[in-house]
Amino acid sequence: MKTSGLYSASFILAVSIFLINGCKKDDPTPAKPQTGQAIFWVASGTLGGSFINISVDGVSAGQINKFSTTSPSCGVSGFVTVTKAPGTYNWNGVGQDKSTWSGTVTITANQCFKVELTSSTVGGSSGLGGTVATVTAPNTFFLANQCLSMSTLGEWWVNGFTINSTSTFIFRFSSRYKADAAIVDNSQIDNFKQNKAFTGYGGFDDKFGYTTITLSAGSYYLAIRNQISTSNVVSVEFDYPITLPSSDRATFLDYYVNGVESLNAGAKLWQGFTIQKGFRYFADGCNTGLETYVIQASELDNFKNNQSFKYLVDYSGNGCEQPGLDEYKLPEGDYYLVFRNTQSVPNAVNYLLERWRVN
């Protein structure tokens, strides 16, 4: 009976082992390693030339060949997106014009980190000596008075100023009805105020528009007087011309589009232009009471037909300073600068869009 009992115990042990082994589960599938992403992008088509090559830890990651006015999401074409395990990586960029950038980027699991290449991210210069161009916002303001109301014939407004050296200015004047505007010196200011004949510099005699004038060192007046017996509205700007530092590597090309117009009540005006890579575009001007918009070409018919239309908020408004000094930082494509007179009286505008070539 003892021997039989031993056999029974051994049998039970074997069966138990078999049952345990038969119910053993497979090993779980190893978890995929976590990753994150980083996108390298530029907001200006003037940076780097037509493209910027990006490398991460010495390995080519792709090429930036477009720009965006807003930060893009990871994976957007035309920019460079890398997918990496969490960690910190060295990166560098080299532009077509030999501009260079460098830095580090820290990637976090399941996150998209955005690296904008600007002049402030530059880490050095290339072996060929190229450096990234700066992008300066010019300041041209000297004197201005927009939406100035005048009510009687001969009513005047003057603003005295002094310059210490020979200087060049852009003189802009818009008037709803007849008015005079000029730069007048001390010998002529009384004649101007008394609505008599006078001599001046860069004058607008019952007309409006823009002109460039150069003045020697001295004291002068920016002077306006009404030439109708009822109310009038005028806008004047006396600005320095646009200049950019050599570090911007941009040179003036042309007055790309310009105009001097009077719009009757309810009238509209539109002026087309094209944004291309390799150029910078600066608008300026003034008006006497118009709505001003920059729209994409696809919106022009809606604007012309009094339908709802989309416009670029940053470059639009209804003030007399419009179109104002603005750099149009827009994606490549066709656009329109448009004006609309919603008042019951005529309104005038003069506008100028300068084009600068990026070298």
Protein backbone atom coordinates (compact mmCIF):
# COMPACT_ATOMS: atom_id res chain seq x y z
CA MET A 1 0.00 0.00 0.00
CA LYS A 2 2.93 2.37 0.67
CA THR A 3 4.40 1.69 -2.78
CA SER A 4 1.04 2.29 -4.40
CA GLY A 5 0.71 5.56 -2.50
CA LEU A 6 4.11 6.75 -3.80
CA TYR A 7 3.07 6.03 -7.37
CA SER A 8 -0.12 8.02 -6.82
CA ALA A 9 1.80 11.03 -5.50
CA SER A 10 4.18 10.98 -8.48
CA PHE A 11 1.28 10.77 -10.90
CA ILE A 12 -0.48 13.67 -9.26
CA LEU A 13 2.71 15.77 -9.36
CA ALA A 14 3.21 15.03 -13.07
CA VAL A 15 -0.36 15.92 -13.90
CA SER A 16 -0.06 19.15 -11.95
CA ILE A 17 3.11 20.12 -13.81
CA PHE A 18 1.43 19.32 -17.13
CA LEU A 19 -1.59 21.42 -16.25
CA ILE A 20 0.54 24.34 -15.15
CA ASN A 21 2.66 24.25 -18.31
CA GLY A 22 -0.39 23.79 -20.50
CA CYS A 23 -2.01 26.97 -19.14
CA LYS A 24 1.12 29.18 -19.40
CA LYS A 25 0.40 32.49 -21.24
CA ASP A 26 2.59 33.89 -24.01
CA ASP A 27 4.91 36.81 -23.13
CA PRO A 28 3.21 40.20 -23.75
CA THR A 29 4.18 42.10 -26.96
CA PRO A 30 6.99 44.58 -26.17
CA ALA A 31 5.67 48.20 -26.01
CA LYS A 32 6.65 50.41 -28.92
CA PRO A 33 9.18 53.06 -27.96
CA GLN A 34 7.64 56.51 -27.50
CA THR A 35 8.58 59.27 -29.93
CA GLY A 36 8.03 62.97 -30.41
CA GLN A 37 8.39 65.38 -33.31
CA ALA A 38 9.96 68.73 -34.18
CA ILE A 39 9.22 70.89 -37.21
CA PHE A 40 11.71 73.42 -38.60
CA TRP A 41 10.11 76.38 -40.40
CA VAL A 42 10.52 80.02 -41.49
CA ALA A 43 8.05 82.90 -41.50
CA SER A 44 9.84 84.96 -44.14
CA GLY A 45 10.67 84.05 -47.73
CA THR A 46 13.75 86.29 -47.52
CA LEU A 47 15.60 84.00 -45.10
CA GLY A 48 18.15 81.66 -46.61
CA GLY A 49 17.21 82.17 -50.24
CA SER A 50 14.98 79.64 -52.01
CA PHE A 51 15.67 76.80 -49.58
CA ILE A 52 17.29 75.80 -46.29
CA ASN A 53 18.75 72.32 -45.75
CA ILE A 54 18.29 70.94 -42.23
CA SER A 55 20.46 68.30 -40.50
CA VAL A 56 19.88 66.73 -37.08
CA ASP A 57 22.85 65.18 -35.28
CA GLY A 58 24.81 65.38 -38.51
CA VAL A 59 22.23 63.51 -40.61
CA SER A 60 20.26 65.24 -43.37
CA ALA A 61 16.62 65.68 -42.31
CA GLY A 62 15.18 67.49 -45.33
CA GLN A 63 14.73 70.89 -46.93
CA ILE A 64 12.61 73.95 -46.09
CA ASN A 65 11.36 75.37 -49.38
CA LYS A 66 8.36 77.50 -48.37
CA PHE A 67 7.39 79.94 -45.61
CA SER A 68 4.31 80.57 -43.51
CA THR A 69 2.89 83.60 -41.69
CA THR A 70 1.73 81.27 -38.88
CA SER A 71 3.53 78.37 -37.21
CA PRO A 72 2.69 75.11 -39.04
CA SER A 73 1.81 71.75 -37.50
CA CYS A 74 4.30 68.89 -37.63
CA GLY A 75 4.15 67.03 -40.92
CA VAL A 76 3.19 70.01 -43.12
CA SER A 77 4.92 69.73 -46.50
CA GLY A 78 7.52 72.30 -47.48
CA PHE A 79 9.02 72.31 -43.98
CA VAL A 80 11.18 69.73 -42.20
CA THR A 81 9.62 67.43 -39.60
CA VAL A 82 11.71 64.89 -37.67
CA THR A 83 10.42 62.07 -35.49
CA LYS A 84 12.77 61.02 -32.68
CA ALA A 85 12.90 59.31 -29.32
CA PRO A 86 12.66 61.79 -26.45
CA GLY A 87 15.93 63.62 -25.93
CA THR A 88 18.00 66.64 -26.91
CA TYR A 89 19.48 66.83 -30.39
CA ASN A 90 21.87 69.17 -32.18
CA TRP A 91 20.63 70.67 -35.43
CA ASN A 92 21.89 73.03 -38.10
CA GLY A 93 20.58 74.66 -41.26
CA VAL A 94 22.30 75.93 -44.39
CA GLY A 95 20.45 78.20 -46.82
CA GLN A 96 20.81 78.53 -50.55
CA ASP A 97 22.55 81.86 -49.91
CA LYS A 98 24.96 80.15 -47.46
CA SER A 99 23.23 81.55 -44.39
CA THR A 100 23.62 79.22 -41.43
CA TRP A 101 21.66 78.39 -38.30
CA SER A 102 22.41 76.02 -35.44
CA GLY A 103 21.04 75.04 -32.06
CA THR A 104 19.58 72.25 -29.98
CA VAL A 105 16.06 70.93 -29.86
CA THR A 106 14.51 68.89 -27.05
CA ILE A 107 11.92 66.37 -28.21
CA THR A 108 9.23 65.17 -25.81
CA ALA A 109 7.12 62.05 -26.28
CA ASN A 110 3.89 62.62 -28.20
CA GLN A 111 4.58 66.34 -28.62
CA CYS A 112 5.30 68.56 -31.62
CA PHE A 113 8.06 71.10 -30.94
CA LYS A 114 8.31 74.04 -33.38
CA VAL A 115 11.66 75.56 -34.31
CA GLU A 116 11.38 78.84 -36.21
CA LEU A 117 14.51 79.91 -38.06
CA THR A 118 14.88 83.68 -37.70
CA SER A 119 17.80 86.05 -37.51
CA SER A 120 17.81 85.54 -33.74
CA THR A 121 18.40 81.78 -34.05
CA VAL A 122 21.59 82.19 -36.04
CA GLY A 123 24.45 80.26 -34.48
CA GLY A 124 27.29 81.33 -36.72
CA SER A 125 28.23 81.68 -40.36
CA SER A 126 29.08 79.22 -43.10
CA GLY A 127 32.57 78.42 -44.29
CA LEU A 128 31.95 80.68 -47.28
CA GLY A 129 31.34 83.62 -44.99
CA GLY A 130 27.58 83.99 -45.53
CA THR A 131 25.38 85.10 -42.66
CA VAL A 132 21.64 85.24 -42.40
CA ALA A 133 20.01 88.47 -43.57
CA THR A 134 18.28 90.55 -40.95
CA VAL A 135 14.65 91.59 -41.51
CA THR A 136 14.32 95.19 -40.36
CA ALA A 137 10.99 96.97 -39.99
CA PRO A 138 11.65 100.51 -41.33
CA ASN A 139 10.42 103.57 -39.44
CA THR A 140 9.72 106.45 -41.81
CA PHE A 141 7.52 108.74 -39.68
CA PHE A 142 8.35 112.45 -39.53
CA LEU A 143 5.10 114.49 -39.64
CA ALA A 144 1.48 113.60 -40.37
CA ASN A 145 -2.11 114.76 -39.95
CA GLN A 146 -4.81 112.41 -41.24
CA CYS A 147 -8.54 113.13 -41.58
CA LEU A 148 -8.07 116.85 -40.89
CA SER A 149 -11.43 118.66 -41.19
CA MET A 150 -11.56 122.19 -42.63
CA SER A 151 -14.73 124.24 -42.93
CA THR A 152 -14.10 127.60 -44.66
CA LEU A 153 -12.27 128.97 -47.68
CA GLY A 154 -8.66 129.79 -46.87
CA GLU A 155 -8.67 127.94 -43.53
CA TRP A 156 -5.14 126.78 -42.86
CA TRP A 157 -3.11 124.36 -40.75
CA VAL A 158 0.68 124.51 -40.37
CA ASN A 159 3.31 122.55 -38.48
CA GLY A 160 6.79 124.00 -38.12
CA PHE A 161 9.91 121.85 -38.15
CA THR A 162 13.69 122.16 -38.35
CA ILE A 163 16.21 119.84 -39.98
CA ASN A 164 19.93 120.00 -39.25
CA SER A 165 21.19 118.55 -42.53
CA THR A 166 20.05 118.06 -46.10
CA SER A 167 17.24 115.49 -46.01
CA THR A 168 14.92 113.74 -48.45
CA PHE A 169 11.23 113.17 -47.76
CA ILE A 170 8.18 111.54 -49.31
CA PHE A 171 5.31 114.07 -49.35
CA ARG A 172 1.81 112.50 -49.53
CA PHE A 173 -1.40 114.48 -49.73
CA SER A 174 -5.03 113.40 -50.18
CA SER A 175 -7.92 115.86 -50.32
CA ARG A 176 -11.67 115.31 -50.68
CA TYR A 177 -12.06 118.64 -52.51
CA LYS A 178 -9.72 121.43 -53.62
CA ALA A 179 -6.88 122.29 -51.23
CA ASP A 180 -3.25 123.38 -51.23
CA ALA A 181 -0.34 121.64 -49.51
CA ALA A 182 3.31 122.65 -49.55
CA ILE A 183 6.51 123.04 -47.58
CA VAL A 184 6.89 126.75 -46.88
CA ASP A 185 9.75 128.70 -45.32
CA ASN A 186 9.55 131.73 -43.01
CA SER A 187 9.54 134.24 -45.87
CA GLN A 188 6.32 132.80 -47.35
CA ILE A 189 4.30 131.61 -44.38
CA ASP A 190 2.30 134.84 -43.97
CA ASN A 191 1.29 134.79 -47.65
CA PHE A 192 0.17 131.21 -47.26
CA LYS A 193 -1.92 131.94 -44.16
CA GLN A 194 -3.55 134.95 -45.86
CA ASN A 195 -4.52 132.81 -48.88
CA LYS A 196 -2.24 134.79 -51.15
CA ALA A 197 0.14 133.55 -53.82
CA PHE A 198 3.28 131.98 -52.38
CA THR A 199 6.32 129.94 -53.32
CA GLY A 200 7.06 126.64 -51.66
CA TYR A 201 8.60 123.21 -52.04
CA GLY A 202 6.87 120.10 -53.38
CA GLY A 203 3.51 121.85 -53.57
CA PHE A 204 0.06 120.50 -54.39
CA ASP A 205 -2.04 123.30 -55.88
CA ASP A 206 -5.71 122.23 -55.86
CA LYS A 207 -4.62 118.64 -56.44
CA PHE A 208 -3.31 115.68 -54.47
CA GLY A 209 -0.80 112.86 -54.82
CA TYR A 210 2.75 112.17 -53.70
CA THR A 211 6.20 113.45 -54.54
CA THR A 212 9.79 113.23 -53.34
CA ILE A 213 11.50 116.42 -52.19
CA THR A 214 14.94 117.23 -50.77
CA LEU A 215 15.39 120.12 -48.33
CA SER A 216 18.54 121.83 -47.14
CA ALA A 217 19.18 122.32 -43.44
CA GLY A 218 16.85 124.96 -42.03
CA SER A 219 13.40 125.73 -40.63
CA TYR A 220 10.18 125.11 -42.55
CA TYR A 221 6.43 124.64 -42.25
CA LEU A 222 4.29 121.78 -43.44
CA ALA A 223 1.29 123.83 -44.59
CA ILE A 224 -2.26 123.05 -45.78
CA ARG A 225 -5.13 125.40 -46.68
CA ASN A 226 -8.67 124.80 -47.82
CA GLN A 227 -9.69 126.11 -51.27
CA ILE A 228 -13.46 125.67 -51.16
CA SER A 229 -16.05 127.66 -49.23
CA THR A 230 -17.52 124.60 -47.51
CA SER A 231 -16.19 121.73 -45.42
CA ASN A 232 -13.34 119.58 -46.64
CA VAL A 233 -11.26 116.66 -45.33
CA VAL A 234 -7.55 116.23 -46.05
CA SER A 235 -4.76 113.85 -45.02
CA VAL A 236 -1.07 114.61 -45.21
CA GLU A 237 2.07 112.58 -44.50
CA PHE A 238 5.61 113.90 -44.64
CA ASP A 239 7.83 110.85 -44.22
CA TYR A 240 11.40 109.78 -44.60
CA PRO A 241 11.86 107.35 -47.49
CA ILE A 242 12.22 103.67 -46.68
CA THR A 243 15.79 102.64 -45.98
CA LEU A 244 17.11 99.25 -44.92
CA PRO A 245 20.49 98.41 -43.34
CA SER A 246 23.03 96.53 -45.43
CA SER A 247 22.56 93.54 -43.13
CA ASP A 248 19.06 93.10 -44.62
CA ARG A 249 20.72 92.42 -47.98
CA ALA A 250 17.84 94.05 -49.85
CA THR A 251 17.96 96.75 -52.53
CA PHE A 252 15.17 98.96 -53.88
CA LEU A 253 13.85 97.63 -57.18
CA ASP A 254 10.82 99.74 -58.18
CA TYR A 255 7.53 101.36 -57.31
CA TYR A 256 5.67 98.15 -58.05
CA VAL A 257 2.14 99.58 -58.03
CA ASN A 258 0.90 103.09 -57.27
CA GLY A 259 -2.12 105.26 -57.77
CA VAL A 260 -3.81 108.60 -57.09
CA GLU A 261 -7.58 108.34 -57.24
CA SER A 262 -10.84 110.03 -56.20
CA LEU A 263 -13.79 107.70 -55.56
CA ASN A 264 -17.35 108.94 -55.82
CA ALA A 265 -19.92 107.87 -53.24
CA GLY A 266 -20.34 104.09 -53.35
CA ALA A 267 -17.41 103.56 -55.72
CA LYS A 268 -14.73 100.87 -55.45
CA LEU A 269 -11.12 100.63 -56.54
CA TRP A 270 -8.87 97.58 -56.85
CA GLN A 271 -5.19 97.19 -57.66
CA GLY A 272 -3.65 93.75 -58.23
CA PHE A 273 -0.16 92.64 -57.20
CA THR A 274 1.79 89.38 -56.97
CA ILE A 275 3.93 88.19 -54.07
CA GLN A 276 7.04 86.29 -55.18
CA LYS A 277 9.96 84.74 -53.34
CA GLY A 278 13.11 86.81 -53.24
CA PHE A 279 11.35 90.16 -52.77
CA ARG A 280 10.02 92.35 -49.98
CA TYR A 281 6.94 94.54 -50.42
CA PHE A 282 6.26 97.80 -48.54
CA ALA A 283 2.97 99.69 -48.84
CA ASP A 284 2.19 103.24 -47.77
CA GLY A 285 -0.33 105.97 -48.49
CA CYS A 286 -3.26 107.93 -47.05
CA ASN A 287 -6.91 108.65 -47.80
CA THR A 288 -9.78 110.89 -46.71
CA GLY A 289 -12.37 108.34 -45.58
CA LEU A 290 -12.22 105.00 -47.38
CA GLU A 291 -12.31 101.38 -46.31
CA THR A 292 -9.04 99.65 -47.24
CA TYR A 293 -8.50 95.91 -47.60
CA VAL A 294 -5.91 93.43 -48.86
CA ILE A 295 -7.60 90.35 -50.30
CA GLN A 296 -6.60 87.22 -52.16
CA ALA A 297 -7.37 87.22 -55.88
CA SER A 298 -10.07 84.61 -55.35
CA GLU A 299 -12.08 87.15 -53.31
CA LEU A 300 -12.13 89.94 -55.89
CA ASP A 301 -15.45 89.03 -57.51
CA ASN A 302 -17.12 88.94 -54.10
CA PHE A 303 -15.74 92.40 -53.33
CA LYS A 304 -16.80 93.82 -56.69
CA ASN A 305 -20.31 92.36 -56.45
CA ASN A 306 -21.06 93.64 -52.94
CA GLN A 307 -20.97 90.15 -51.50
CA SER A 308 -19.30 88.98 -48.30
CA PHE A 309 -15.55 88.62 -48.79
CA LYS A 310 -12.54 87.52 -46.76
CA TYR A 311 -9.69 89.93 -46.17
CA LEU A 312 -6.31 89.97 -44.44
CA VAL A 313 -6.94 91.71 -41.13
CA ASP A 314 -3.32 92.76 -40.52
CA TYR A 315 -3.26 94.88 -43.68
CA SER A 316 -6.80 96.28 -43.71
CA GLY A 317 -8.72 99.04 -41.93
CA ASN A 318 -10.95 102.09 -42.30
CA GLY A 319 -8.65 104.85 -41.05
CA CYS A 320 -7.35 107.77 -43.11
CA GLU A 321 -3.78 106.52 -42.54
CA GLN A 322 -4.47 103.46 -44.72
CA PRO A 323 -2.85 101.76 -46.50
CA GLY A 324 -0.23 102.94 -44.01
CA LEU A 325 3.36 101.78 -43.79
CA ASP A 326 3.19 97.99 -43.84
CA GLU A 327 5.38 95.19 -45.10
CA TYR A 328 3.21 92.62 -46.83
CA LYS A 329 4.55 89.34 -45.44
CA LEU A 330 2.33 87.01 -47.41
CA PRO A 331 2.60 83.57 -49.03
CA GLU A 332 3.40 83.58 -52.72
CA GLY A 333 0.37 84.29 -54.87
CA ASP A 334 -1.92 86.93 -56.35
CA TYR A 335 -3.59 89.59 -54.22
CA TYR A 336 -5.48 92.86 -54.51
CA LEU A 337 -5.28 96.12 -52.61
CA VAL A 338 -8.88 97.36 -52.66
CA PHE A 339 -10.72 100.49 -51.51
CA ARG A 340 -14.42 101.13 -50.93
CA ASN A 341 -16.21 104.45 -50.41
CA THR A 342 -19.26 103.89 -48.23
CA GLN A 343 -19.84 107.61 -47.63
CA SER A 344 -22.19 109.94 -49.49
CA VAL A 345 -19.34 112.26 -50.53
CA PRO A 346 -16.27 111.66 -52.70
CA ASN A 347 -13.05 110.50 -51.05
CA ALA A 348 -9.47 110.47 -52.27
CA VAL A 349 -6.53 108.10 -51.85
CA ASN A 350 -2.93 107.85 -52.90
CA TYR A 351 -1.04 104.61 -52.45
CA LEU A 352 2.39 103.21 -53.23
CA LEU A 353 3.76 99.66 -53.07
CA GLU A 354 7.55 99.45 -53.17
CA ARG A 355 9.36 96.28 -54.21
CA TRP A 356 12.81 95.42 -52.81
CA ARG A 357 14.96 92.59 -54.14
CA VAL A 358 16.61 90.35 -51.56
CA ASN A 359 20.24 89.77 -52.59
